[in-house]
């Protein structure tokens, strides 16, 4: 049984953004997803913002390089 301690009802793009946060998903995954539900223009940019909250959670939990990643992301906006 799998239990997600951070269950959320949100836009489908938020889950796809998480697949980019830590890697591990091959390009075929996104292509297969888009065959069923095409992504609207601008998703890569929105994915960065969708990942900001989980990134800040990691800053709180682990600090270190996550803080640098969060700061770099915030500087782009």
PDB file of N, CA and C in Angstrom:
ATOM      1  N   UNK A   1       0.833  -1.153   0.000  1.00  0.00           N
ATOM      2  CA  UNK A   1       0.000   0.000   0.000  1.00  0.00           C
ATOM      3  C   UNK A   1       0.893   1.235   0.000  1.00  0.00           C
ATOM      4  N   UNK A   2       0.541   2.208  -0.806  1.00  0.00           N
ATOM      5  CA  UNK A   2       1.251   3.478  -0.841  1.00  0.00           C
ATOM      6  C   UNK A   2       0.368   4.547  -0.228  1.00  0.00           C
ATOM      7  N   UNK A   3       0.947   5.354   0.611  1.00  0.00           N
ATOM      8  CA  UNK A   3       0.216   6.460   1.223  1.00  0.00           C
ATOM      9  C   UNK A   3       1.022   7.721   0.991  1.00  0.00           C
ATOM     10  N   UNK A   4       0.387   8.717   0.396  1.00  0.00           N
ATOM     11  CA  UNK A   4       1.042   9.995   0.140  1.00  0.00           C
ATOM     12  C   UNK A   4       0.671  10.951   1.270  1.00  0.00           C
ATOM     13  N   UNK A   5       1.642  11.386   2.082  1.00  0.00           N
ATOM     14  CA  UNK A   5       1.321  12.283   3.187  1.00  0.00           C
ATOM     15  C   UNK A   5       1.003  13.705   2.733  1.00  0.00           C
ATOM     16  N   UNK A   6       1.183  13.989   1.460  1.00  0.00           N
ATOM     17  CA  UNK A   6       0.918  15.335   0.949  1.00  0.00           C
ATOM     18  C   UNK A   6      -0.102  15.280  -0.184  1.00  0.00           C
ATOM     19  N   UNK A   7      -1.216  14.620   0.071  1.00  0.00           N
ATOM     20  CA  UNK A   7      -2.257  14.492  -0.949  1.00  0.00           C
ATOM     21  C   UNK A   7      -2.809  15.870  -1.284  1.00  0.00           C
ATOM     22  N   UNK A   8      -3.049  16.102  -2.567  1.00  0.00           N
ATOM     23  CA  UNK A   8      -3.604  17.381  -3.006  1.00  0.00           C
ATOM     24  C   UNK A   8      -4.516  17.160  -4.203  1.00  0.00           C
ATOM     25  N   UNK A   9      -5.552  17.954  -4.264  1.00  0.00           N
ATOM     26  CA  UNK A   9      -6.405  17.993  -5.453  1.00  0.00           C
ATOM     27  C   UNK A   9      -6.020  19.271  -6.178  1.00  0.00           C
ATOM     28  N   UNK A  10      -5.293  19.125  -7.264  1.00  0.00           N
ATOM     29  CA  UNK A  10      -4.759  20.308  -7.931  1.00  0.00           C
ATOM     30  C   UNK A  10      -4.747  20.103  -9.440  1.00  0.00           C
ATOM     31  N   UNK A  11      -4.254  21.096 -10.120  1.00  0.00           N
ATOM     32  CA  UNK A  11      -4.150  21.057 -11.575  1.00  0.00           C
ATOM     33  C   UNK A  11      -3.210  19.921 -11.979  1.00  0.00           C
ATOM     34  N   UNK A  12      -3.533  19.194 -13.054  1.00  0.00           N
ATOM     35  CA  UNK A  12      -2.668  18.081 -13.483  1.00  0.00           C
ATOM     36  C   UNK A  12      -1.217  18.498 -13.742  1.00  0.00           C
ATOM     37  N   UNK A  13      -1.005  19.750 -14.118  1.00  0.00           N
ATOM     38  CA  UNK A  13       0.358  20.204 -14.393  1.00  0.00           C
ATOM     39  C   UNK A  13       1.239  20.153 -13.149  1.00  0.00           C
ATOM     40  N   UNK A  14       0.645  20.226 -11.960  1.00  0.00           N
ATOM     41  CA  UNK A  14       1.478  20.195 -10.754  1.00  0.00           C
ATOM     42  C   UNK A  14       2.179  18.853 -10.608  1.00  0.00           C
ATOM     43  N   UNK A  15       1.479  17.762 -10.924  1.00  0.00           N
ATOM     44  CA  UNK A  15       2.116  16.441 -10.866  1.00  0.00           C
ATOM     45  C   UNK A  15       3.195  16.309 -11.931  1.00  0.00           C
ATOM     46  N   UNK A  16       2.909  16.812 -13.120  1.00  0.00           N
ATOM     47  CA  UNK A  16       3.913  16.740 -14.186  1.00  0.00           C
ATOM     48  C   UNK A  16       5.138  17.575 -13.841  1.00  0.00           C
ATOM     49  N   UNK A  17       4.923  18.701 -13.185  1.00  0.00           N
ATOM     50  CA  UNK A  17       6.059  19.535 -12.776  1.00  0.00           C
ATOM     51  C   UNK A  17       6.962  18.770 -11.809  1.00  0.00           C
ATOM     52  N   UNK A  18       6.354  18.016 -10.896  1.00  0.00           N
ATOM     53  CA  UNK A  18       7.152  17.242  -9.935  1.00  0.00           C
ATOM     54  C   UNK A  18       8.015  16.191 -10.631  1.00  0.00           C
ATOM     55  N   UNK A  19       7.557  15.690 -11.777  1.00  0.00           N
ATOM     56  CA  UNK A  19       8.377  14.707 -12.492  1.00  0.00           C
ATOM     57  C   UNK A  19       9.658  15.344 -13.005  1.00  0.00           C
ATOM     58  N   UNK A  20       9.669  16.665 -13.137  1.00  0.00           N
ATOM     59  CA  UNK A  20      10.860  17.379 -13.604  1.00  0.00           C
ATOM     60  C   UNK A  20      11.763  17.813 -12.454  1.00  0.00           C
ATOM     61  N   UNK A  21      11.205  17.863 -11.259  1.00  0.00           N
ATOM     62  CA  UNK A  21      11.955  18.399 -10.123  1.00  0.00           C
ATOM     63  C   UNK A  21      13.167  17.544  -9.771  1.00  0.00           C
ATOM     64  N   UNK A  22      12.998  16.237  -9.735  1.00  0.00           N
ATOM     65  CA  UNK A  22      14.094  15.357  -9.351  1.00  0.00           C
ATOM     66  C   UNK A  22      14.544  14.436 -10.470  1.00  0.00           C
ATOM     67  N   UNK A  23      13.934  14.553 -11.624  1.00  0.00           N
ATOM     68  CA  UNK A  23      14.313  13.694 -12.738  1.00  0.00           C
ATOM     69  C   UNK A  23      13.824  12.273 -12.540  1.00  0.00           C
ATOM     70  N   UNK A  24      14.371  11.379 -13.322  1.00  0.00           N
ATOM     71  CA  UNK A  24      13.989   9.983 -13.193  1.00  0.00           C
ATOM     72  C   UNK A  24      12.873   9.552 -14.124  1.00  0.00           C
ATOM     73  N   UNK A  25      12.237  10.495 -14.786  1.00  0.00           N
ATOM     74  CA  UNK A  25      11.190  10.165 -15.748  1.00  0.00           C
ATOM     75  C   UNK A  25      11.744  10.377 -17.156  1.00  0.00           C
ATOM     76  N   UNK A  26      11.683   9.366 -17.992  1.00  0.00           N
ATOM     77  CA  UNK A  26      12.221   9.505 -19.348  1.00  0.00           C
ATOM     78  C   UNK A  26      11.330  10.407 -20.203  1.00  0.00           C
ATOM     79  N   UNK A  27      11.885  10.971 -21.279  1.00  0.00           N
ATOM     80  CA  UNK A  27      11.099  11.825 -22.179  1.00  0.00           C
ATOM     81  C   UNK A  27       9.849  11.122 -22.713  1.00  0.00           C
ATOM     82  N   UNK A  28       9.907   9.808 -22.831  1.00  0.00           N
ATOM     83  CA  UNK A  28       8.750   9.052 -23.330  1.00  0.00           C
ATOM     84  C   UNK A  28       7.532   9.226 -22.416  1.00  0.00           C
ATOM     85  N   UNK A  29       7.774   9.430 -21.140  1.00  0.00           N
ATOM     86  CA  UNK A  29       6.671   9.628 -20.197  1.00  0.00           C
ATOM     87  C   UNK A  29       5.857  10.861 -20.585  1.00  0.00           C
ATOM     88  N   UNK A  30       6.552  11.983 -20.799  1.00  0.00           N
ATOM     89  CA  UNK A  30       5.860  13.222 -21.156  1.00  0.00           C
ATOM     90  C   UNK A  30       5.204  13.103 -22.521  1.00  0.00           C
ATOM     91  N   UNK A  31       5.893  12.481 -23.469  1.00  0.00           N
ATOM     92  CA  UNK A  31       5.293  12.301 -24.803  1.00  0.00           C
ATOM     93  C   UNK A  31       4.015  11.478 -24.719  1.00  0.00           C
ATOM     94  N   UNK A  32       4.037  10.405 -23.949  1.00  0.00           N
ATOM     95  CA  UNK A  32       2.842   9.565 -23.800  1.00  0.00           C
ATOM     96  C   UNK A  32       1.715  10.347 -23.128  1.00  0.00           C
ATOM     97  N   UNK A  33       2.060  11.151 -22.142  1.00  0.00           N
ATOM     98  CA  UNK A  33       1.047  11.973 -21.469  1.00  0.00           C
ATOM     99  C   UNK A  33       0.407  12.934 -22.464  1.00  0.00           C
ATOM    100  N   UNK A  34       1.257  13.590 -23.257  1.00  0.00           N
ATOM    101  CA  UNK A  34       0.749  14.592 -24.199  1.00  0.00           C
ATOM    102  C   UNK A  34      -0.081  13.978 -25.321  1.00  0.00           C
ATOM    103  N   UNK A  35       0.098  12.698 -25.609  1.00  0.00           N
ATOM    104  CA  UNK A  35      -0.761  12.042 -26.594  1.00  0.00           C
ATOM    105  C   UNK A  35      -2.198  11.989 -26.094  1.00  0.00           C
ATOM    106  N   UNK A  36      -2.362  11.888 -24.792  1.00  0.00           N
ATOM    107  CA  UNK A  36      -3.697  11.814 -24.196  1.00  0.00           C
ATOM    108  C   UNK A  36      -4.231  13.204 -23.853  1.00  0.00           C
ATOM    109  N   UNK A  37      -3.364  14.035 -23.303  1.00  0.00           N
ATOM    110  CA  UNK A  37      -3.772  15.379 -22.884  1.00  0.00           C
ATOM    111  C   UNK A  37      -2.639  16.349 -23.206  1.00  0.00           C
ATOM    112  N   UNK A  38      -2.726  17.028 -24.349  1.00  0.00           N
ATOM    113  CA  UNK A  38      -1.659  17.958 -24.728  1.00  0.00           C
ATOM    114  C   UNK A  38      -1.474  19.063 -23.680  1.00  0.00           C
ATOM    115  N   UNK A  39      -0.224  19.408 -23.463  1.00  0.00           N
ATOM    116  CA  UNK A  39       0.080  20.482 -22.524  1.00  0.00           C
ATOM    117  C   UNK A  39      -0.092  21.830 -23.210  1.00  0.00           C
ATOM    118  N   UNK A  40      -0.733  22.781 -22.546  1.00  0.00           N
ATOM    119  CA  UNK A  40      -0.868  24.105 -23.136  1.00  0.00           C
ATOM    120  C   UNK A  40       0.487  24.810 -23.203  1.00  0.00           C
ATOM    121  N   UNK A  41       0.611  25.782 -24.095  1.00  0.00           N
ATOM    122  CA  UNK A  41       1.871  26.529 -24.194  1.00  0.00           C
ATOM    123  C   UNK A  41       2.255  27.138 -22.842  1.00  0.00           C
ATOM    124  N   UNK A  42       3.540  27.185 -22.595  1.00  0.00           N
ATOM    125  CA  UNK A  42       4.051  27.810 -21.381  1.00  0.00           C
ATOM    126  C   UNK A  42       4.234  26.869 -20.202  1.00  0.00           C
ATOM    127  N   UNK A  43       3.991  25.584 -20.401  1.00  0.00           N
ATOM    128  CA  UNK A  43       4.117  24.649 -19.273  1.00  0.00           C
ATOM    129  C   UNK A  43       5.509  24.656 -18.647  1.00  0.00           C
ATOM    130  N   UNK A  44       6.589  24.628 -19.421  1.00  0.00           N
ATOM    131  CA  UNK A  44       7.911  24.593 -18.765  1.00  0.00           C
ATOM    132  C   UNK A  44       8.118  25.749 -17.783  1.00  0.00           C
ATOM    133  N   UNK A  45       7.637  26.914 -18.136  1.00  0.00           N
ATOM    134  CA  UNK A  45       7.777  28.074 -17.241  1.00  0.00           C
ATOM    135  C   UNK A  45       6.897  27.907 -15.996  1.00  0.00           C
ATOM    136  N   UNK A  46       5.656  27.438 -16.208  1.00  0.00           N
ATOM    137  CA  UNK A  46       4.767  27.222 -15.069  1.00  0.00           C
ATOM    138  C   UNK A  46       5.285  26.102 -14.172  1.00  0.00           C
ATOM    139  N   UNK A  47       5.922  25.103 -14.763  1.00  0.00           N
ATOM    140  CA  UNK A  47       6.451  23.981 -13.976  1.00  0.00           C
ATOM    141  C   UNK A  47       7.434  24.482 -12.924  1.00  0.00           C
ATOM    142  N   UNK A  48       8.232  25.474 -13.280  1.00  0.00           N
ATOM    143  CA  UNK A  48       9.167  26.042 -12.307  1.00  0.00           C
ATOM    144  C   UNK A  48       8.412  26.592 -11.100  1.00  0.00           C
ATOM    145  N   UNK A  49       7.331  27.320 -11.373  1.00  0.00           N
ATOM    146  CA  UNK A  49       6.556  27.907 -10.279  1.00  0.00           C
ATOM    147  C   UNK A  49       5.811  26.843  -9.474  1.00  0.00           C
ATOM    148  N   UNK A  50       5.273  25.842 -10.158  1.00  0.00           N
ATOM    149  CA  UNK A  50       4.604  24.748  -9.445  1.00  0.00           C
ATOM    150  C   UNK A  50       5.574  24.061  -8.485  1.00  0.00           C
ATOM    151  N   UNK A  51       6.834  24.012  -8.834  1.00  0.00           N
ATOM    152  CA  UNK A  51       7.823  23.325  -8.001  1.00  0.00           C
ATOM    153  C   UNK A  51       8.395  24.200  -6.889  1.00  0.00           C
ATOM    154  N   UNK A  52       8.037  25.467  -6.874  1.00  0.00           N
ATOM    155  CA  UNK A  52       8.597  26.348  -5.851  1.00  0.00           C
ATOM    156  C   UNK A  52       8.200  25.906  -4.442  1.00  0.00           C
ATOM    157  N   UNK A  53       6.932  25.600  -4.223  1.00  0.00           N
ATOM    158  CA  UNK A  53       6.510  25.193  -2.874  1.00  0.00           C
ATOM    159  C   UNK A  53       7.225  23.919  -2.415  1.00  0.00           C
ATOM    160  N   UNK A  54       7.209  22.830  -3.222  1.00  0.00           N
ATOM    161  CA  UNK A  54       7.934  21.641  -2.760  1.00  0.00           C
ATOM    162  C   UNK A  54       9.429  21.907  -2.555  1.00  0.00           C
ATOM    163  N   UNK A  55       9.987  22.785  -3.369  1.00  0.00           N
ATOM    164  CA  UNK A  55      11.396  23.137  -3.205  1.00  0.00           C
ATOM    165  C   UNK A  55      11.613  23.838  -1.864  1.00  0.00           C
ATOM    166  N   UNK A  56      10.705  24.739  -1.497  1.00  0.00           N
ATOM    167  CA  UNK A  56      10.827  25.423  -0.208  1.00  0.00           C
ATOM    168  C   UNK A  56      10.621  24.459   0.963  1.00  0.00           C
ATOM    169  N   UNK A  57       9.780  23.457   0.787  1.00  0.00           N
ATOM    170  CA  UNK A  57       9.633  22.422   1.818  1.00  0.00           C
ATOM    171  C   UNK A  57      10.971  21.711   2.008  1.00  0.00           C
ATOM    172  N   UNK A  58      11.650  21.413   0.906  1.00  0.00           N
ATOM    173  CA  UNK A  58      12.957  20.752   0.999  1.00  0.00           C
ATOM    174  C   UNK A  58      13.999  21.675   1.635  1.00  0.00           C
ATOM    175  N   UNK A  59      13.896  22.976   1.378  1.00  0.00           N
ATOM    176  CA  UNK A  59      14.792  23.921   2.054  1.00  0.00           C
ATOM    177  C   UNK A  59      14.580  23.814   3.563  1.00  0.00           C
ATOM    178  N   UNK A  60      13.324  23.801   3.975  1.00  0.00           N
ATOM    179  CA  UNK A  60      13.007  23.712   5.403  1.00  0.00           C
ATOM    180  C   UNK A  60      13.507  22.402   6.018  1.00  0.00           C
ATOM    181  N   UNK A  61      13.350  21.316   5.291  1.00  0.00           N
ATOM    182  CA  UNK A  61      13.726  20.007   5.830  1.00  0.00           C
ATOM    183  C   UNK A  61      15.222  19.731   5.760  1.00  0.00           C
ATOM    184  N   UNK A  62      15.845  20.133   4.636  1.00  0.00           N
ATOM    185  CA  UNK A  62      17.220  19.705   4.375  1.00  0.00           C
ATOM    186  C   UNK A  62      18.218  20.845   4.182  1.00  0.00           C
ATOM    187  N   UNK A  63      17.736  22.070   3.900  1.00  0.00           N
ATOM    188  CA  UNK A  63      18.629  23.211   3.694  1.00  0.00           C
ATOM    189  C   UNK A  63      19.563  23.006   2.520  1.00  0.00           C
ATOM    190  N   UNK A  64      20.809  23.408   2.711  1.00  0.00           N
ATOM    191  CA  UNK A  64      21.864  23.173   1.729  1.00  0.00           C
ATOM    192  C   UNK A  64      21.566  23.630   0.325  1.00  0.00           C
ATOM    193  N   UNK A  65      21.806  22.734  -0.616  1.00  0.00           N
ATOM    194  CA  UNK A  65      21.690  23.087  -2.033  1.00  0.00           C
ATOM    195  C   UNK A  65      20.261  23.451  -2.416  1.00  0.00           C
ATOM    196  N   UNK A  66      19.277  22.964  -1.658  1.00  0.00           N
ATOM    197  CA  UNK A  66      17.894  23.329  -1.973  1.00  0.00           C
ATOM    198  C   UNK A  66      17.679  24.829  -1.799  1.00  0.00           C
ATOM    199  N   UNK A  67      18.339  25.418  -0.808  1.00  0.00           N
ATOM    200  CA  UNK A  67      18.230  26.861  -0.597  1.00  0.00           C
ATOM    201  C   UNK A  67      18.808  27.612  -1.787  1.00  0.00           C
ATOM    202  N   UNK A  68      19.911  27.131  -2.317  1.00  0.00           N
ATOM    203  CA  UNK A  68      20.519  27.768  -3.488  1.00  0.00           C
ATOM    204  C   UNK A  68      19.605  27.633  -4.702  1.00  0.00           C
ATOM    205  N   UNK A  69      19.004  26.467  -4.864  1.00  0.00           N
ATOM    206  CA  UNK A  69      18.091  26.249  -5.994  1.00  0.00           C
ATOM    207  C   UNK A  69      16.876  27.157  -5.888  1.00  0.00           C
ATOM    208  N   UNK A  70      16.327  27.295  -4.690  1.00  0.00           N
ATOM    209  CA  UNK A  70      15.161  28.157  -4.491  1.00  0.00           C
ATOM    210  C   UNK A  70      15.518  29.610  -4.768  1.00  0.00           C
ATOM    211  N   UNK A  71      16.670  30.048  -4.288  1.00  0.00           N
ATOM    212  CA  UNK A  71      17.098  31.428  -4.523  1.00  0.00           C
ATOM    213  C   UNK A  71      17.298  31.690  -6.008  1.00  0.00           C
ATOM    214  N   UNK A  72      17.901  30.744  -6.710  1.00  0.00           N
ATOM    215  CA  UNK A  72      18.117  30.905  -8.153  1.00  0.00           C
ATOM    216  C   UNK A  72      16.787  30.986  -8.891  1.00  0.00           C
ATOM    217  N   UNK A  73      15.831  30.159  -8.503  1.00  0.00           N
ATOM    218  CA  UNK A  73      14.521  30.194  -9.141  1.00  0.00           C
ATOM    219  C   UNK A  73      13.831  31.524  -8.887  1.00  0.00           C
ATOM    220  N   UNK A  74      13.869  31.999  -7.658  1.00  0.00           N
ATOM    221  CA  UNK A  74      13.223  33.269  -7.331  1.00  0.00           C
ATOM    222  C   UNK A  74      13.850  34.434  -8.088  1.00  0.00           C
ATOM    223  N   UNK A  75      15.152  34.378  -8.333  1.00  0.00           N
ATOM    224  CA  UNK A  75      15.818  35.456  -9.073  1.00  0.00           C
ATOM    225  C   UNK A  75      15.330  35.555 -10.513  1.00  0.00           C
ATOM    226  N   UNK A  76      14.838  34.438 -11.073  1.00  0.00           N
ATOM    227  CA  UNK A  76      14.364  34.484 -12.461  1.00  0.00           C
ATOM    228  C   UNK A  76      13.030  35.210 -12.575  1.00  0.00           C
ATOM    229  N   UNK A  77      12.360  35.412 -11.451  1.00  0.00           N
ATOM    230  CA  UNK A  77      11.078  36.111 -11.457  1.00  0.00           C
ATOM    231  C   UNK A  77      11.196  37.440 -10.765  1.00  0.00           C
TER     232      UNK A  77
END
